[in-house]
Protein backbone atom coordinates (compact mmCIF):
# COMPACT_ATOMS: atom_id res chain seq x y z
CA UNK A 1 1.77 31.32 -27.49
CA UNK A 2 4.29 28.61 -26.21
CA UNK A 3 6.14 28.72 -29.56
CA UNK A 4 6.15 32.59 -29.73
CA UNK A 5 6.45 32.33 -25.77
CA UNK A 6 10.45 30.18 -26.28
CA UNK A 7 10.84 32.65 -29.48
CA UNK A 8 10.91 35.66 -27.43
CA UNK A 9 12.92 33.98 -24.78
CA UNK A 10 15.66 32.33 -27.45
CA UNK A 11 15.84 36.73 -28.50
CA UNK A 12 16.30 37.94 -25.22
CA UNK A 13 18.37 35.25 -24.20
CA UNK A 14 20.79 36.44 -27.48
CA UNK A 15 20.61 40.15 -26.68
CA UNK A 16 21.36 39.17 -23.61
CA UNK A 17 24.67 37.20 -24.34
CA UNK A 18 25.66 40.86 -25.42
CA UNK A 19 25.88 42.38 -22.48
CA UNK A 20 22.12 44.12 -23.20
CA UNK A 21 20.85 44.93 -19.77
CA UNK A 22 17.24 45.54 -21.22
CA UNK A 23 17.31 41.45 -22.36
CA UNK A 24 18.75 41.37 -18.31
CA UNK A 25 15.92 42.84 -16.62
CA UNK A 26 13.14 41.63 -19.12
CA UNK A 27 13.98 38.19 -18.13
CA UNK A 28 15.12 38.49 -14.86
CA UNK A 29 11.36 39.68 -14.38
CA UNK A 30 9.22 37.20 -15.34
CA UNK A 31 11.55 34.63 -13.42
CA UNK A 32 12.48 35.89 -10.27
CA UNK A 33 9.09 35.50 -8.99
CA UNK A 34 9.27 32.11 -9.65
CA UNK A 35 13.25 31.35 -8.07
CA UNK A 36 12.36 32.71 -5.54
CA UNK A 37 9.19 30.57 -5.14
CA UNK A 38 11.87 27.72 -5.33
CA UNK A 39 14.26 28.68 -2.81
CA UNK A 40 11.60 29.38 -0.73
CA UNK A 41 10.22 25.53 -0.57
CA UNK A 42 13.90 24.45 0.77
CA UNK A 43 15.34 27.70 2.96
CA UNK A 44 11.80 28.81 4.05
CA UNK A 45 13.17 32.00 4.76
CA UNK A 46 12.14 35.12 3.48
CA UNK A 47 15.66 36.46 3.25
CA UNK A 48 17.78 33.77 2.03
CA UNK A 49 15.80 33.41 -1.23
CA UNK A 50 16.01 36.82 -2.16
CA UNK A 51 19.71 36.69 -1.23
CA UNK A 52 19.51 33.08 -3.88
CA UNK A 53 17.99 35.17 -6.31
CA UNK A 54 20.11 37.94 -6.16
CA UNK A 55 22.95 35.18 -6.23
CA UNK A 56 21.86 33.39 -9.57
CA UNK A 57 21.12 36.71 -11.79
CA UNK A 58 24.90 37.56 -10.45
CA UNK A 59 25.99 34.32 -12.19
CA UNK A 60 23.63 34.49 -15.05
CA UNK A 61 25.78 38.12 -15.65
CA UNK A 62 29.05 37.34 -14.93
CA UNK A 63 28.08 34.18 -17.59
CA UNK A 64 26.43 35.79 -20.49
CA UNK A 65 28.96 36.10 -23.48
CA UNK A 66 29.10 31.98 -23.26
CA UNK A 67 25.11 31.25 -23.02
CA UNK A 68 23.46 30.18 -26.06
CA UNK A 69 20.41 31.93 -28.08
CA UNK A 70 19.14 27.60 -28.41
CA UNK A 71 20.11 26.58 -24.37
CA UNK A 72 16.90 26.21 -22.19
CA UNK A 73 17.38 29.07 -20.42
CA UNK A 74 15.43 27.96 -17.60
CA UNK A 75 17.11 25.00 -17.40
CA UNK A 76 19.95 26.72 -16.35
CA UNK A 77 18.82 29.33 -14.02
CA UNK A 78 17.04 26.15 -11.81
CA UNK A 79 19.78 24.09 -12.26
CA UNK A 80 21.85 26.72 -10.50
CA UNK A 81 19.55 27.54 -8.14
CA UNK A 82 19.64 24.12 -6.83
CA UNK A 83 23.01 23.61 -7.12
CA UNK A 84 23.16 26.66 -4.69
CA UNK A 85 21.01 25.48 -2.55
CA UNK A 86 22.97 22.49 -2.00
CA UNK A 87 25.79 24.88 -1.04
CA UNK A 88 23.74 26.49 1.18
CA UNK A 89 22.56 23.02 3.20
CA UNK A 90 26.49 21.05 2.52
CA UNK A 91 27.57 25.21 4.07
CA UNK A 92 25.06 25.05 6.83
CA UNK A 93 26.17 21.61 7.77
CA UNK A 94 23.00 20.06 8.46
CA UNK A 95 23.90 16.13 8.51
CA UNK A 96 26.26 16.83 10.82
CA UNK A 97 24.53 19.62 14.12
CA UNK A 98 21.39 16.61 12.55
CA UNK A 99 24.40 13.52 14.12
CA UNK A 100 25.37 16.22 17.42
CA UNK A 101 22.52 16.76 18.67
CA UNK A 102 22.21 12.51 19.70
CA UNK A 103 19.20 12.18 17.25
CA UNK A 104 22.44 9.61 14.96
CA UNK A 105 23.62 8.08 17.67
CA UNK A 106 22.87 4.65 15.60
CA UNK A 107 24.95 5.35 13.21
CA UNK A 108 28.53 5.04 12.95
CA UNK A 109 30.86 8.41 12.70
CA UNK A 110 32.08 6.46 9.12
CA UNK A 111 28.76 5.53 7.56
CA UNK A 112 28.34 8.84 8.42
CA UNK A 113 31.10 10.46 6.67
CA UNK A 114 29.95 8.43 3.47
CA UNK A 115 26.98 10.05 2.98
CA UNK A 116 26.85 12.65 -0.01
CA UNK A 117 24.06 14.55 -1.32
CA UNK A 118 24.48 13.49 -4.69
CA UNK A 119 24.33 9.43 -3.78
CA UNK A 120 20.97 11.01 -1.43
CA UNK A 121 19.61 12.95 -4.33
CA UNK A 122 20.14 9.70 -6.79
CA UNK A 123 18.06 7.87 -4.33
CA UNK A 124 15.44 9.68 -3.98
CA UNK A 125 15.79 10.20 -8.01
CA UNK A 126 15.33 6.76 -7.85
CA UNK A 127 12.03 7.31 -6.08
CA UNK A 128 10.84 9.96 -8.36
CA UNK A 129 10.89 7.81 -11.93
CA UNK A 130 8.39 5.43 -10.69
CA UNK A 131 6.07 8.45 -10.79
CA UNK A 132 3.45 7.80 -12.83
CA UNK A 133 4.37 9.45 -16.05
CA UNK A 134 1.64 13.00 -15.24
CA UNK A 135 2.64 12.40 -11.43
CA UNK A 136 6.19 12.73 -12.27
CA UNK A 137 5.62 15.04 -14.37
CA UNK A 138 4.05 17.37 -11.53
CA UNK A 139 6.61 17.17 -8.80
CA UNK A 140 8.88 18.40 -11.22
CA UNK A 141 7.37 21.19 -12.75
CA UNK A 142 6.67 22.34 -8.17
CA UNK A 143 9.84 20.25 -6.61
CA UNK A 144 12.26 21.59 -9.70
CA UNK A 145 10.80 23.82 -12.05
CA UNK A 146 9.66 25.99 -9.48
CA UNK A 147 6.47 26.61 -10.62
CA UNK A 148 3.41 26.67 -8.06
CA UNK A 149 -0.07 25.13 -7.94
CA UNK A 150 -1.82 27.73 -10.35
CA UNK A 151 1.56 27.83 -12.70
CA UNK A 152 1.17 23.23 -12.99
CA UNK A 153 -2.83 23.61 -13.82
CA UNK A 154 -2.56 27.24 -15.53
CA UNK A 155 0.45 24.86 -18.27
CA UNK A 156 -1.27 21.88 -18.09
CA UNK A 157 -4.56 23.00 -18.08
CA UNK A 158 -6.58 20.84 -15.98
CA UNK A 159 -7.83 22.15 -12.34
CA UNK A 160 -6.34 22.77 -9.08
CA UNK A 161 -7.40 19.97 -7.02
CA UNK A 162 -6.53 17.82 -9.87
CA UNK A 163 -1.76 18.91 -9.18
CA UNK A 164 -2.59 19.60 -5.44
CA UNK A 165 -3.62 15.62 -5.41
CA UNK A 166 -0.56 14.54 -7.46
CA UNK A 167 1.29 16.21 -5.79
CA UNK A 168 0.63 14.84 -2.24
CA UNK A 169 0.15 11.29 -3.98
CA UNK A 170 3.46 12.07 -5.07
CA UNK A 171 5.02 13.10 -1.79
CA UNK A 172 2.86 10.31 -0.16
CA UNK A 173 4.79 7.26 -2.25
CA UNK A 174 8.84 8.59 -1.62
CA UNK A 175 8.03 9.39 1.83
CA UNK A 176 6.21 5.46 2.00
CA UNK A 177 8.88 3.28 0.75
CA UNK A 178 11.96 5.22 2.09
CA UNK A 179 13.88 3.47 3.92
CA UNK A 180 13.17 4.53 7.39
CA UNK A 181 16.16 2.80 8.60
CA UNK A 182 18.19 5.52 7.05
CA UNK A 183 18.06 8.21 9.01
CA UNK A 184 20.31 10.39 5.80
CA UNK A 185 17.56 9.76 3.34
CA UNK A 186 15.03 11.19 5.92
CA UNK A 187 16.65 14.24 6.44
CA UNK A 188 17.43 14.73 2.36
CA UNK A 189 14.06 13.88 1.94
CA UNK A 190 13.10 16.34 4.33
CA UNK A 191 15.29 18.79 3.71
CA UNK A 192 14.90 19.78 -0.57
CA UNK A 193 11.04 18.09 -0.87
CA UNK A 194 9.19 18.43 1.39
């Protein structure tokens, strides 16, 4: 069943790369809901999440000629989405606003300017990599692939409760191991992973 799905997706990607609108519509139908949930998990806004879905598929359509059928379309899709979300947070300057409120007064401005999303992301990723393999897999499927608890449970053939417990434990581990003195890291985690 999984192999057939991957083969069908490869054929759709191949057709899309040649400009086939039906293939595009099929892939949109397959992934738009998941992509929306993924975006909403970060943006917490219906309008912005819907706009993100449209933007991602616009990029897919514009880059269709460069698509390779062996490409993991889902990974490509969610990578585009995650990069847009990161740009969204940069453009809204959430960290700058945070510092302007006075909450970050104890950090000098030179320190705050050195903070980059990539380094914060790397820091969180290192913590994620310390999770037990199954817990890490579930966390990644939830936070990076945008799968719902139900979808993860079905894909991994485990109970909903197991998925919920693993996600709770993963978040607890990451929060516990964040350096509480490092306010930007904590804020980044709250914005992107909670």
